[in-house]
Amino acid sequence: MGINTESNIEANLQIGPTDQGMVRLYIVGNGFEIPMDFEPEEAEEIAEEIQAAIQAARTMSSKKR
């Protein structure tokens, strides 16, 4: 499965700090739980990647109109 492959899997995403000073991405779906902990610096890099993906998606979206 790749980034452009559609899926019918449903999941919830929670994001927050842990009591250990980490940033946790917590993904919960039907029959699975995935806690992913990151140092604050790593979380900032992820946030930057998300922002870049948002901008790229907006650019692609505007070209389709």
N, C-alpha and C. Protein backbone atom coordinates (compact mmCIF):
# COMPACT_ATOMS: atom_id res chain seq x y z
N MET A 1 0.85 -1.17 0.00
CA MET A 1 0.00 0.00 0.00
C MET A 1 0.90 1.23 0.00
N GLY A 2 0.61 2.17 -0.87
CA GLY A 2 1.40 3.39 -0.96
C GLY A 2 0.59 4.61 -0.57
N ILE A 3 1.21 5.76 -0.64
CA ILE A 3 0.59 7.01 -0.22
C ILE A 3 -0.64 7.34 -1.07
N ASN A 4 -0.67 6.89 -2.32
CA ASN A 4 -1.80 7.19 -3.20
C ASN A 4 -2.82 6.06 -3.30
N THR A 5 -2.65 5.01 -2.51
CA THR A 5 -3.58 3.90 -2.53
C THR A 5 -4.72 4.17 -1.55
N GLU A 6 -5.95 4.14 -2.07
CA GLU A 6 -7.10 4.37 -1.20
C GLU A 6 -7.33 3.15 -0.31
N SER A 7 -7.95 3.40 0.84
CA SER A 7 -8.20 2.34 1.79
C SER A 7 -9.53 2.59 2.50
N ASN A 8 -10.18 1.53 2.91
CA ASN A 8 -11.41 1.64 3.68
C ASN A 8 -11.17 1.54 5.17
N ILE A 9 -9.91 1.51 5.58
CA ILE A 9 -9.58 1.41 7.00
C ILE A 9 -9.91 2.73 7.69
N GLU A 10 -10.63 2.63 8.79
CA GLU A 10 -10.95 3.82 9.57
C GLU A 10 -10.10 3.83 10.83
N ALA A 11 -9.63 5.02 11.20
CA ALA A 11 -8.81 5.15 12.40
C ALA A 11 -8.98 6.55 12.97
N ASN A 12 -8.68 6.67 14.24
CA ASN A 12 -8.66 7.97 14.91
C ASN A 12 -7.23 8.33 15.24
N LEU A 13 -6.92 9.61 15.16
CA LEU A 13 -5.58 10.09 15.47
C LEU A 13 -5.67 11.07 16.62
N GLN A 14 -4.88 10.83 17.66
CA GLN A 14 -4.77 11.76 18.78
C GLN A 14 -3.32 12.20 18.85
N ILE A 15 -3.11 13.47 19.15
CA ILE A 15 -1.76 14.02 19.25
C ILE A 15 -1.66 14.79 20.56
N GLY A 16 -0.60 14.53 21.31
CA GLY A 16 -0.43 15.26 22.56
C GLY A 16 0.89 14.95 23.22
N PRO A 17 1.20 15.69 24.27
CA PRO A 17 2.45 15.46 25.00
C PRO A 17 2.29 14.30 25.98
N THR A 18 3.38 13.60 26.23
CA THR A 18 3.37 12.54 27.24
C THR A 18 3.97 13.11 28.53
N ASP A 19 3.82 12.35 29.60
CA ASP A 19 4.41 12.80 30.87
C ASP A 19 5.93 12.62 30.89
N GLN A 20 6.48 12.06 29.82
CA GLN A 20 7.92 11.87 29.68
C GLN A 20 8.56 12.95 28.79
N GLY A 21 7.77 13.96 28.39
CA GLY A 21 8.29 15.05 27.56
C GLY A 21 8.39 14.71 26.09
N MET A 22 7.67 13.70 25.67
CA MET A 22 7.64 13.30 24.26
C MET A 22 6.34 13.79 23.64
N VAL A 23 6.30 13.80 22.33
CA VAL A 23 5.07 14.08 21.60
C VAL A 23 4.57 12.74 21.07
N ARG A 24 3.33 12.41 21.39
CA ARG A 24 2.78 11.12 20.97
C ARG A 24 1.73 11.31 19.88
N LEU A 25 1.90 10.53 18.81
CA LEU A 25 0.84 10.33 17.83
C LEU A 25 0.24 8.98 18.18
N TYR A 26 -1.05 8.96 18.46
CA TYR A 26 -1.71 7.75 18.91
C TYR A 26 -2.80 7.43 17.90
N ILE A 27 -2.63 6.32 17.19
CA ILE A 27 -3.57 5.93 16.14
C ILE A 27 -4.34 4.71 16.62
N VAL A 28 -5.67 4.81 16.59
CA VAL A 28 -6.53 3.72 17.06
C VAL A 28 -7.53 3.39 15.96
N GLY A 29 -7.62 2.10 15.63
CA GLY A 29 -8.58 1.64 14.65
C GLY A 29 -9.23 0.36 15.13
N ASN A 30 -9.96 -0.25 14.23
CA ASN A 30 -10.66 -1.49 14.55
C ASN A 30 -9.66 -2.61 14.77
N GLY A 31 -9.35 -2.91 16.01
CA GLY A 31 -8.44 -4.00 16.33
C GLY A 31 -6.97 -3.63 16.41
N PHE A 32 -6.65 -2.34 16.37
CA PHE A 32 -5.24 -1.97 16.51
C PHE A 32 -5.07 -0.63 17.22
N GLU A 33 -3.95 -0.49 17.89
CA GLU A 33 -3.54 0.75 18.54
C GLU A 33 -2.06 0.94 18.23
N ILE A 34 -1.70 2.13 17.77
CA ILE A 34 -0.30 2.41 17.45
C ILE A 34 0.13 3.69 18.15
N PRO A 35 0.85 3.58 19.26
CA PRO A 35 1.42 4.76 19.89
C PRO A 35 2.80 5.04 19.29
N MET A 36 3.01 6.26 18.85
CA MET A 36 4.29 6.64 18.25
C MET A 36 4.81 7.86 19.00
N ASP A 37 5.94 7.70 19.71
CA ASP A 37 6.51 8.79 20.51
C ASP A 37 7.70 9.41 19.78
N PHE A 38 7.78 10.75 19.85
CA PHE A 38 8.83 11.49 19.18
C PHE A 38 9.39 12.54 20.12
N GLU A 39 10.70 12.78 20.00
CA GLU A 39 11.31 13.92 20.68
C GLU A 39 10.68 15.19 20.10
N PRO A 40 10.60 16.27 20.88
CA PRO A 40 10.00 17.50 20.36
C PRO A 40 10.61 17.97 19.04
N GLU A 41 11.92 17.82 18.87
CA GLU A 41 12.56 18.24 17.62
C GLU A 41 12.08 17.39 16.44
N GLU A 42 11.92 16.08 16.67
CA GLU A 42 11.40 15.21 15.63
C GLU A 42 9.96 15.59 15.28
N ALA A 43 9.18 15.92 16.30
CA ALA A 43 7.79 16.31 16.07
C ALA A 43 7.72 17.60 15.24
N GLU A 44 8.66 18.52 15.49
CA GLU A 44 8.70 19.74 14.68
C GLU A 44 9.00 19.42 13.22
N GLU A 45 9.91 18.49 12.98
CA GLU A 45 10.21 18.08 11.61
C GLU A 45 8.98 17.46 10.94
N ILE A 46 8.25 16.65 11.69
CA ILE A 46 7.02 16.04 11.16
C ILE A 46 6.01 17.13 10.83
N ALA A 47 5.88 18.11 11.72
CA ALA A 47 4.94 19.21 11.49
C ALA A 47 5.32 19.98 10.22
N GLU A 48 6.61 20.18 10.01
CA GLU A 48 7.06 20.87 8.79
C GLU A 48 6.73 20.04 7.54
N GLU A 49 6.89 18.73 7.64
CA GLU A 49 6.56 17.86 6.51
C GLU A 49 5.05 17.89 6.23
N ILE A 50 4.26 17.94 7.28
CA ILE A 50 2.80 18.04 7.10
C ILE A 50 2.44 19.35 6.43
N GLN A 51 3.06 20.45 6.87
CA GLN A 51 2.80 21.76 6.26
C GLN A 51 3.19 21.75 4.78
N ALA A 52 4.32 21.14 4.44
CA ALA A 52 4.75 21.06 3.04
C ALA A 52 3.77 20.23 2.22
N ALA A 53 3.27 19.14 2.81
CA ALA A 53 2.29 18.30 2.11
C ALA A 53 0.98 19.06 1.90
N ILE A 54 0.59 19.85 2.88
CA ILE A 54 -0.63 20.66 2.75
C ILE A 54 -0.48 21.62 1.58
N GLN A 55 0.66 22.30 1.53
CA GLN A 55 0.89 23.26 0.45
C GLN A 55 0.90 22.56 -0.91
N ALA A 56 1.54 21.41 -1.00
CA ALA A 56 1.58 20.66 -2.26
C ALA A 56 0.18 20.21 -2.67
N ALA A 57 -0.61 19.76 -1.71
CA ALA A 57 -1.98 19.33 -2.01
C ALA A 57 -2.82 20.50 -2.49
N ARG A 58 -2.65 21.66 -1.87
CA ARG A 58 -3.38 22.85 -2.32
C ARG A 58 -3.00 23.22 -3.74
N THR A 59 -1.71 23.12 -4.04
CA THR A 59 -1.25 23.44 -5.39
C THR A 59 -1.85 22.49 -6.41
N MET A 60 -1.84 21.19 -6.10
CA MET A 60 -2.44 20.19 -7.01
C MET A 60 -3.93 20.42 -7.15
N SER A 61 -4.58 20.74 -6.04
CA SER A 61 -6.02 20.95 -6.04
C SER A 61 -6.41 22.14 -6.92
N SER A 62 -5.63 23.22 -6.84
CA SER A 62 -5.95 24.41 -7.62
C SER A 62 -5.70 24.19 -9.11
N LYS A 63 -4.77 23.31 -9.47
CA LYS A 63 -4.50 22.99 -10.88
C LYS A 63 -5.63 22.17 -11.50
N LYS A 64 -6.35 21.41 -10.67
CA LYS A 64 -7.44 20.57 -11.17
C LYS A 64 -8.70 21.38 -11.48
N ARG A 65 -8.78 22.57 -10.96
CA ARG A 65 -10.01 23.38 -11.14
C ARG A 65 -10.09 24.01 -12.47
